[in-house]
């Protein structure tokens, strides 16, 4: 079992990109971290950790973010690729 500090470059980069994407979308929508926390039922601390690349997320959480931004998953992931 891999430890957190044993992540590959690609895994770390994906976390950084995802966190940056969430922060960028949140600002584009004029949402606060508290707004996103309310919309996803996650804590503001969790939102902060995700945005600052300190926490990885599973597909269920990704879907919560897509719903919070009122987007289908395909549109949500299109922002990840930018």
PDB file of N, CA and C in Angstrom:
ATOM      1  N   UNK A   1       0.845  -1.186   0.000  1.00  0.00           N
ATOM      2  CA  UNK A   1       0.000   0.000   0.000  1.00  0.00           C
ATOM      3  C   UNK A   1       0.888   1.246   0.000  1.00  0.00           C
ATOM      4  N   UNK A   2       0.570   2.164  -0.927  1.00  0.00           N
ATOM      5  CA  UNK A   2       1.371   3.377  -1.032  1.00  0.00           C
ATOM      6  C   UNK A   2       1.003   4.365   0.058  1.00  0.00           C
ATOM      7  N   UNK A   3       2.017   5.034   0.560  1.00  0.00           N
ATOM      8  CA  UNK A   3       1.794   6.113   1.513  1.00  0.00           C
ATOM      9  C   UNK A   3       1.595   7.400   0.742  1.00  0.00           C
ATOM     10  N   UNK A   4       1.042   8.415   1.392  1.00  0.00           N
ATOM     11  CA  UNK A   4       0.781   9.705   0.761  1.00  0.00           C
ATOM     12  C   UNK A   4       2.027  10.304   0.127  1.00  0.00           C
ATOM     13  N   UNK A   5       3.173  10.158   0.784  1.00  0.00           N
ATOM     14  CA  UNK A   5       4.399  10.763   0.266  1.00  0.00           C
ATOM     15  C   UNK A   5       5.040   9.911  -0.827  1.00  0.00           C
ATOM     16  N   UNK A   6       4.435   8.757  -1.163  1.00  0.00           N
ATOM     17  CA  UNK A   6       4.939   7.894  -2.222  1.00  0.00           C
ATOM     18  C   UNK A   6       4.215   8.122  -3.541  1.00  0.00           C
ATOM     19  N   UNK A   7       3.500   9.218  -3.666  1.00  0.00           N
ATOM     20  CA  UNK A   7       2.754   9.504  -4.886  1.00  0.00           C
ATOM     21  C   UNK A   7       3.699   9.786  -6.038  1.00  0.00           C
ATOM     22  N   UNK A   8       3.257   9.378  -7.217  1.00  0.00           N
ATOM     23  CA  UNK A   8       4.047   9.663  -8.409  1.00  0.00           C
ATOM     24  C   UNK A   8       3.883  11.127  -8.780  1.00  0.00           C
ATOM     25  N   UNK A   9       4.744  11.595  -9.651  1.00  0.00           N
ATOM     26  CA  UNK A   9       4.657  12.971 -10.142  1.00  0.00           C
ATOM     27  C   UNK A   9       3.290  13.213 -10.775  1.00  0.00           C
ATOM     28  N   UNK A  10       2.819  12.257 -11.552  1.00  0.00           N
ATOM     29  CA  UNK A  10       1.531  12.402 -12.235  1.00  0.00           C
ATOM     30  C   UNK A  10       0.378  12.524 -11.233  1.00  0.00           C
ATOM     31  N   UNK A  11       0.422  11.719 -10.171  1.00  0.00           N
ATOM     32  CA  UNK A  11      -0.627  11.792  -9.143  1.00  0.00           C
ATOM     33  C   UNK A  11      -0.607  13.145  -8.444  1.00  0.00           C
ATOM     34  N   UNK A  12       0.564  13.616  -8.082  1.00  0.00           N
ATOM     35  CA  UNK A  12       0.668  14.925  -7.429  1.00  0.00           C
ATOM     36  C   UNK A  12       0.191  16.031  -8.366  1.00  0.00           C
ATOM     37  N   UNK A  13       0.580  15.951  -9.637  1.00  0.00           N
ATOM     38  CA  UNK A  13       0.198  16.958 -10.612  1.00  0.00           C
ATOM     39  C   UNK A  13      -1.315  16.976 -10.820  1.00  0.00           C
ATOM     40  N   UNK A  14      -1.947  15.807 -10.853  1.00  0.00           N
ATOM     41  CA  UNK A  14      -3.399  15.734 -11.015  1.00  0.00           C
ATOM     42  C   UNK A  14      -4.098  16.384  -9.829  1.00  0.00           C
ATOM     43  N   UNK A  15      -3.597  16.154  -8.617  1.00  0.00           N
ATOM     44  CA  UNK A  15      -4.181  16.779  -7.428  1.00  0.00           C
ATOM     45  C   UNK A  15      -4.040  18.296  -7.486  1.00  0.00           C
ATOM     46  N   UNK A  16      -2.874  18.763  -7.913  1.00  0.00           N
ATOM     47  CA  UNK A  16      -2.645  20.206  -8.026  1.00  0.00           C
ATOM     48  C   UNK A  16      -3.607  20.801  -9.047  1.00  0.00           C
ATOM     49  N   UNK A  17      -3.710  20.155 -10.217  1.00  0.00           N
ATOM     50  CA  UNK A  17      -4.596  20.655 -11.258  1.00  0.00           C
ATOM     51  C   UNK A  17      -6.048  20.653 -10.801  1.00  0.00           C
ATOM     52  N   UNK A  18      -6.485  19.603 -10.112  1.00  0.00           N
ATOM     53  CA  UNK A  18      -7.866  19.532  -9.653  1.00  0.00           C
ATOM     54  C   UNK A  18      -8.142  20.634  -8.641  1.00  0.00           C
ATOM     55  N   UNK A  19      -7.247  20.813  -7.693  1.00  0.00           N
ATOM     56  CA  UNK A  19      -7.416  21.868  -6.691  1.00  0.00           C
ATOM     57  C   UNK A  19      -7.466  23.246  -7.316  1.00  0.00           C
ATOM     58  N   UNK A  20      -6.587  23.485  -8.276  1.00  0.00           N
ATOM     59  CA  UNK A  20      -6.576  24.775  -8.976  1.00  0.00           C
ATOM     60  C   UNK A  20      -7.859  24.980  -9.764  1.00  0.00           C
ATOM     61  N   UNK A  21      -8.365  23.905 -10.387  1.00  0.00           N
ATOM     62  CA  UNK A  21      -9.597  24.006 -11.161  1.00  0.00           C
ATOM     63  C   UNK A  21     -10.770  24.358 -10.249  1.00  0.00           C
ATOM     64  N   UNK A  22     -10.838  23.718  -9.094  1.00  0.00           N
ATOM     65  CA  UNK A  22     -11.933  24.003  -8.158  1.00  0.00           C
ATOM     66  C   UNK A  22     -11.873  25.458  -7.723  1.00  0.00           C
ATOM     67  N   UNK A  23     -10.695  25.922  -7.377  1.00  0.00           N
ATOM     68  CA  UNK A  23     -10.546  27.311  -6.944  1.00  0.00           C
ATOM     69  C   UNK A  23     -10.936  28.282  -8.057  1.00  0.00           C
ATOM     70  N   UNK A  24     -10.481  27.991  -9.283  1.00  0.00           N
ATOM     71  CA  UNK A  24     -10.792  28.855 -10.420  1.00  0.00           C
ATOM     72  C   UNK A  24     -12.300  28.886 -10.678  1.00  0.00           C
ATOM     73  N   UNK A  25     -12.941  27.727 -10.701  1.00  0.00           N
ATOM     74  CA  UNK A  25     -14.391  27.680 -10.920  1.00  0.00           C
ATOM     75  C   UNK A  25     -15.138  28.406  -9.810  1.00  0.00           C
ATOM     76  N   UNK A  26     -14.695  28.187  -8.587  1.00  0.00           N
ATOM     77  CA  UNK A  26     -15.355  28.822  -7.440  1.00  0.00           C
ATOM     78  C   UNK A  26     -15.321  30.337  -7.592  1.00  0.00           C
ATOM     79  N   UNK A  27     -14.186  30.859  -8.003  1.00  0.00           N
ATOM     80  CA  UNK A  27     -14.059  32.313  -8.181  1.00  0.00           C
ATOM     81  C   UNK A  27     -14.870  32.805  -9.375  1.00  0.00           C
ATOM     82  N   UNK A  28     -14.905  32.027 -10.467  1.00  0.00           N
ATOM     83  CA  UNK A  28     -15.708  32.398 -11.631  1.00  0.00           C
ATOM     84  C   UNK A  28     -17.201  32.469 -11.275  1.00  0.00           C
ATOM     85  N   UNK A  29     -17.634  31.586 -10.395  1.00  0.00           N
ATOM     86  CA  UNK A  29     -19.034  31.552  -9.982  1.00  0.00           C
ATOM     87  C   UNK A  29     -19.308  32.506  -8.803  1.00  0.00           C
ATOM     88  N   UNK A  30     -18.274  33.188  -8.359  1.00  0.00           N
ATOM     89  CA  UNK A  30     -18.370  34.082  -7.194  1.00  0.00           C
ATOM     90  C   UNK A  30     -18.867  33.348  -5.947  1.00  0.00           C
ATOM     91  N   UNK A  31     -18.368  32.121  -5.775  1.00  0.00           N
ATOM     92  CA  UNK A  31     -18.691  31.332  -4.594  1.00  0.00           C
ATOM     93  C   UNK A  31     -17.542  31.442  -3.593  1.00  0.00           C
ATOM     94  N   UNK A  32     -17.878  31.424  -2.341  1.00  0.00           N
ATOM     95  CA  UNK A  32     -16.874  31.319  -1.297  1.00  0.00           C
ATOM     96  C   UNK A  32     -16.632  29.836  -1.019  1.00  0.00           C
ATOM     97  N   UNK A  33     -15.600  29.548  -0.271  1.00  0.00           N
ATOM     98  CA  UNK A  33     -15.389  28.161   0.153  1.00  0.00           C
ATOM     99  C   UNK A  33     -16.581  27.689   0.975  1.00  0.00           C
ATOM    100  N   UNK A  34     -17.157  28.579   1.742  1.00  0.00           N
ATOM    101  CA  UNK A  34     -18.330  28.232   2.541  1.00  0.00           C
ATOM    102  C   UNK A  34     -19.521  27.874   1.639  1.00  0.00           C
ATOM    103  N   UNK A  35     -19.706  28.617   0.538  1.00  0.00           N
ATOM    104  CA  UNK A  35     -20.766  28.309  -0.418  1.00  0.00           C
ATOM    105  C   UNK A  35     -20.598  26.898  -0.974  1.00  0.00           C
ATOM    106  N   UNK A  36     -19.378  26.568  -1.374  1.00  0.00           N
ATOM    107  CA  UNK A  36     -19.117  25.240  -1.932  1.00  0.00           C
ATOM    108  C   UNK A  36     -19.291  24.168  -0.867  1.00  0.00           C
ATOM    109  N   UNK A  37     -18.860  24.462   0.334  1.00  0.00           N
ATOM    110  CA  UNK A  37     -19.044  23.506   1.428  1.00  0.00           C
ATOM    111  C   UNK A  37     -20.532  23.213   1.624  1.00  0.00           C
ATOM    112  N   UNK A  38     -21.357  24.245   1.606  1.00  0.00           N
ATOM    113  CA  UNK A  38     -22.803  24.058   1.747  1.00  0.00           C
ATOM    114  C   UNK A  38     -23.372  23.246   0.593  1.00  0.00           C
ATOM    115  N   UNK A  39     -22.904  23.512  -0.620  1.00  0.00           N
ATOM    116  CA  UNK A  39     -23.431  22.844  -1.810  1.00  0.00           C
ATOM    117  C   UNK A  39     -22.974  21.394  -1.921  1.00  0.00           C
ATOM    118  N   UNK A  40     -21.835  21.054  -1.337  1.00  0.00           N
ATOM    119  CA  UNK A  40     -21.295  19.695  -1.426  1.00  0.00           C
ATOM    120  C   UNK A  40     -21.476  18.893  -0.148  1.00  0.00           C
ATOM    121  N   UNK A  41     -21.877  19.568   0.919  1.00  0.00           N
ATOM    122  CA  UNK A  41     -21.979  18.940   2.241  1.00  0.00           C
ATOM    123  C   UNK A  41     -20.608  18.479   2.749  1.00  0.00           C
ATOM    124  N   UNK A  42     -19.564  19.188   2.334  1.00  0.00           N
ATOM    125  CA  UNK A  42     -18.212  18.973   2.844  1.00  0.00           C
ATOM    126  C   UNK A  42     -17.865  20.145   3.752  1.00  0.00           C
ATOM    127  N   UNK A  43     -16.880  19.973   4.588  1.00  0.00           N
ATOM    128  CA  UNK A  43     -16.480  21.077   5.465  1.00  0.00           C
ATOM    129  C   UNK A  43     -15.655  22.099   4.688  1.00  0.00           C
ATOM    130  N   UNK A  44     -15.629  23.317   5.194  1.00  0.00           N
ATOM    131  CA  UNK A  44     -14.794  24.342   4.565  1.00  0.00           C
ATOM    132  C   UNK A  44     -13.315  23.947   4.656  1.00  0.00           C
ATOM    133  N   UNK A  45     -12.944  23.244   5.720  1.00  0.00           N
ATOM    134  CA  UNK A  45     -11.560  22.776   5.849  1.00  0.00           C
ATOM    135  C   UNK A  45     -11.219  21.793   4.734  1.00  0.00           C
ATOM    136  N   UNK A  46     -12.167  20.916   4.392  1.00  0.00           N
ATOM    137  CA  UNK A  46     -11.940  19.960   3.313  1.00  0.00           C
ATOM    138  C   UNK A  46     -11.810  20.681   1.978  1.00  0.00           C
ATOM    139  N   UNK A  47     -12.673  21.658   1.738  1.00  0.00           N
ATOM    140  CA  UNK A  47     -12.593  22.440   0.502  1.00  0.00           C
ATOM    141  C   UNK A  47     -11.229  23.112   0.415  1.00  0.00           C
ATOM    142  N   UNK A  48     -10.784  23.696   1.500  1.00  0.00           N
ATOM    143  CA  UNK A  48      -9.481  24.359   1.531  1.00  0.00           C
ATOM    144  C   UNK A  48      -8.354  23.371   1.231  1.00  0.00           C
ATOM    145  N   UNK A  49      -8.397  22.193   1.856  1.00  0.00           N
ATOM    146  CA  UNK A  49      -7.351  21.183   1.619  1.00  0.00           C
ATOM    147  C   UNK A  49      -7.344  20.731   0.159  1.00  0.00           C
ATOM    148  N   UNK A  50      -8.522  20.571  -0.424  1.00  0.00           N
ATOM    149  CA  UNK A  50      -8.593  20.166  -1.829  1.00  0.00           C
ATOM    150  C   UNK A  50      -7.997  21.258  -2.712  1.00  0.00           C
ATOM    151  N   UNK A  51      -8.411  22.502  -2.479  1.00  0.00           N
ATOM    152  CA  UNK A  51      -7.907  23.609  -3.292  1.00  0.00           C
ATOM    153  C   UNK A  51      -6.407  23.809  -3.145  1.00  0.00           C
ATOM    154  N   UNK A  52      -5.892  23.503  -1.982  1.00  0.00           N
ATOM    155  CA  UNK A  52      -4.463  23.686  -1.730  1.00  0.00           C
ATOM    156  C   UNK A  52      -3.689  22.395  -1.916  1.00  0.00           C
ATOM    157  N   UNK A  53      -4.318  21.430  -2.604  1.00  0.00           N
ATOM    158  CA  UNK A  53      -3.669  20.190  -3.025  1.00  0.00           C
ATOM    159  C   UNK A  53      -3.225  19.312  -1.864  1.00  0.00           C
ATOM    160  N   UNK A  54      -3.907  19.413  -0.760  1.00  0.00           N
ATOM    161  CA  UNK A  54      -3.541  18.589   0.384  1.00  0.00           C
ATOM    162  C   UNK A  54      -4.430  17.391   0.572  1.00  0.00           C
ATOM    163  N   UNK A  55      -5.412  17.223  -0.296  1.00  0.00           N
ATOM    164  CA  UNK A  55      -6.328  16.103  -0.120  1.00  0.00           C
ATOM    165  C   UNK A  55      -6.804  15.627  -1.484  1.00  0.00           C
ATOM    166  N   UNK A  56      -6.702  14.323  -1.707  1.00  0.00           N
ATOM    167  CA  UNK A  56      -7.231  13.788  -2.949  1.00  0.00           C
ATOM    168  C   UNK A  56      -8.705  13.453  -2.761  1.00  0.00           C
ATOM    169  N   UNK A  57      -9.404  13.244  -3.863  1.00  0.00           N
ATOM    170  CA  UNK A  57     -10.840  13.005  -3.809  1.00  0.00           C
ATOM    171  C   UNK A  57     -11.209  11.819  -4.682  1.00  0.00           C
ATOM    172  N   UNK A  58     -12.315  11.188  -4.329  1.00  0.00           N
ATOM    173  CA  UNK A  58     -12.845  10.080  -5.112  1.00  0.00           C
ATOM    174  C   UNK A  58     -13.912  10.563  -6.084  1.00  0.00           C
ATOM    175  N   UNK A  59     -14.406   9.660  -6.873  1.00  0.00           N
ATOM    176  CA  UNK A  59     -15.379  10.004  -7.905  1.00  0.00           C
ATOM    177  C   UNK A  59     -16.674  10.544  -7.301  1.00  0.00           C
ATOM    178  N   UNK A  60     -17.079  10.049  -6.137  1.00  0.00           N
ATOM    179  CA  UNK A  60     -18.286  10.563  -5.491  1.00  0.00           C
ATOM    180  C   UNK A  60     -18.157  12.034  -5.133  1.00  0.00           C
ATOM    181  N   UNK A  61     -16.999  12.420  -4.639  1.00  0.00           N
ATOM    182  CA  UNK A  61     -16.752  13.813  -4.290  1.00  0.00           C
ATOM    183  C   UNK A  61     -16.656  14.676  -5.545  1.00  0.00           C
ATOM    184  N   UNK A  62     -16.053  14.130  -6.580  1.00  0.00           N
ATOM    185  CA  UNK A  62     -15.976  14.867  -7.846  1.00  0.00           C
ATOM    186  C   UNK A  62     -17.385  15.150  -8.354  1.00  0.00           C
ATOM    187  N   UNK A  63     -18.257  14.165  -8.246  1.00  0.00           N
ATOM    188  CA  UNK A  63     -19.642  14.365  -8.682  1.00  0.00           C
ATOM    189  C   UNK A  63     -20.324  15.449  -7.847  1.00  0.00           C
ATOM    190  N   UNK A  64     -20.045  15.500  -6.554  1.00  0.00           N
ATOM    191  CA  UNK A  64     -20.604  16.558  -5.703  1.00  0.00           C
ATOM    192  C   UNK A  64     -20.171  17.937  -6.195  1.00  0.00           C
ATOM    193  N   UNK A  65     -18.909  18.057  -6.602  1.00  0.00           N
ATOM    194  CA  UNK A  65     -18.422  19.333  -7.118  1.00  0.00           C
ATOM    195  C   UNK A  65     -19.129  19.688  -8.423  1.00  0.00           C
ATOM    196  N   UNK A  66     -19.297  18.716  -9.311  1.00  0.00           N
ATOM    197  CA  UNK A  66     -20.001  18.981 -10.575  1.00  0.00           C
ATOM    198  C   UNK A  66     -21.422  19.468 -10.286  1.00  0.00           C
ATOM    199  N   UNK A  67     -22.094  18.831  -9.363  1.00  0.00           N
ATOM    200  CA  UNK A  67     -23.450  19.251  -8.992  1.00  0.00           C
ATOM    201  C   UNK A  67     -23.446  20.643  -8.361  1.00  0.00           C
ATOM    202  N   UNK A  68     -22.429  20.931  -7.560  1.00  0.00           N
ATOM    203  CA  UNK A  68     -22.338  22.241  -6.901  1.00  0.00           C
ATOM    204  C   UNK A  68     -22.226  23.362  -7.927  1.00  0.00           C
ATOM    205  N   UNK A  69     -21.570  23.061  -9.055  1.00  0.00           N
ATOM    206  CA  UNK A  69     -21.429  24.052 -10.119  1.00  0.00           C
ATOM    207  C   UNK A  69     -22.514  23.895 -11.188  1.00  0.00           C
ATOM    208  N   UNK A  70     -23.473  23.009 -10.907  1.00  0.00           N
ATOM    209  CA  UNK A  70     -24.619  22.781 -11.790  1.00  0.00           C
ATOM    210  C   UNK A  70     -24.171  22.408 -13.213  1.00  0.00           C
ATOM    211  N   UNK A  71     -23.247  21.436 -13.277  1.00  0.00           N
ATOM    212  CA  UNK A  71     -22.696  20.999 -14.563  1.00  0.00           C
ATOM    213  C   UNK A  71     -22.778  19.487 -14.669  1.00  0.00           C
ATOM    214  N   UNK A  72     -23.004  18.985 -15.889  1.00  0.00           N
ATOM    215  CA  UNK A  72     -22.826  17.544 -16.081  1.00  0.00           C
ATOM    216  C   UNK A  72     -21.342  17.210 -15.933  1.00  0.00           C
ATOM    217  N   UNK A  73     -21.049  15.974 -15.609  1.00  0.00           N
ATOM    218  CA  UNK A  73     -19.657  15.569 -15.383  1.00  0.00           C
ATOM    219  C   UNK A  73     -18.782  15.864 -16.605  1.00  0.00           C
ATOM    220  N   UNK A  74     -19.306  15.659 -17.808  1.00  0.00           N
ATOM    221  CA  UNK A  74     -18.496  15.902 -19.008  1.00  0.00           C
ATOM    222  C   UNK A  74     -18.061  17.360 -19.101  1.00  0.00           C
ATOM    223  N   UNK A  75     -18.959  18.265 -18.800  1.00  0.00           N
ATOM    224  CA  UNK A  75     -18.604  19.691 -18.820  1.00  0.00           C
ATOM    225  C   UNK A  75     -17.623  20.015 -17.694  1.00  0.00           C
ATOM    226  N   UNK A  76     -17.877  19.450 -16.524  1.00  0.00           N
ATOM    227  CA  UNK A  76     -16.998  19.671 -15.378  1.00  0.00           C
ATOM    228  C   UNK A  76     -15.571  19.245 -15.710  1.00  0.00           C
ATOM    229  N   UNK A  77     -15.418  18.056 -16.295  1.00  0.00           N
ATOM    230  CA  UNK A  77     -14.081  17.559 -16.629  1.00  0.00           C
ATOM    231  C   UNK A  77     -13.434  18.349 -17.750  1.00  0.00           C
ATOM    232  N   UNK A  78     -14.226  19.006 -18.578  1.00  0.00           N
ATOM    233  CA  UNK A  78     -13.634  19.839 -19.629  1.00  0.00           C
ATOM    234  C   UNK A  78     -12.846  20.994 -19.027  1.00  0.00           C
ATOM    235  N   UNK A  79     -13.237  21.468 -17.847  1.00  0.00           N
ATOM    236  CA  UNK A  79     -12.491  22.522 -17.160  1.00  0.00           C
ATOM    237  C   UNK A  79     -11.164  22.005 -16.627  1.00  0.00           C
ATOM    238  N   UNK A  80     -11.131  20.729 -16.298  1.00  0.00           N
ATOM    239  CA  UNK A  80      -9.913  20.108 -15.778  1.00  0.00           C
ATOM    240  C   UNK A  80      -8.824  20.085 -16.839  1.00  0.00           C
ATOM    241  N   UNK A  81      -9.206  19.986 -18.086  1.00  0.00           N
ATOM    242  CA  UNK A  81      -8.251  19.865 -19.181  1.00  0.00           C
ATOM    243  C   UNK A  81      -7.683  21.204 -19.632  1.00  0.00           C
ATOM    244  N   UNK A  82      -8.251  22.312 -19.192  1.00  0.00           N
ATOM    245  CA  UNK A  82      -7.794  23.627 -19.642  1.00  0.00           C
ATOM    246  C   UNK A  82      -6.441  23.969 -19.075  1.00  0.00           C
TER     247      UNK A  82
END
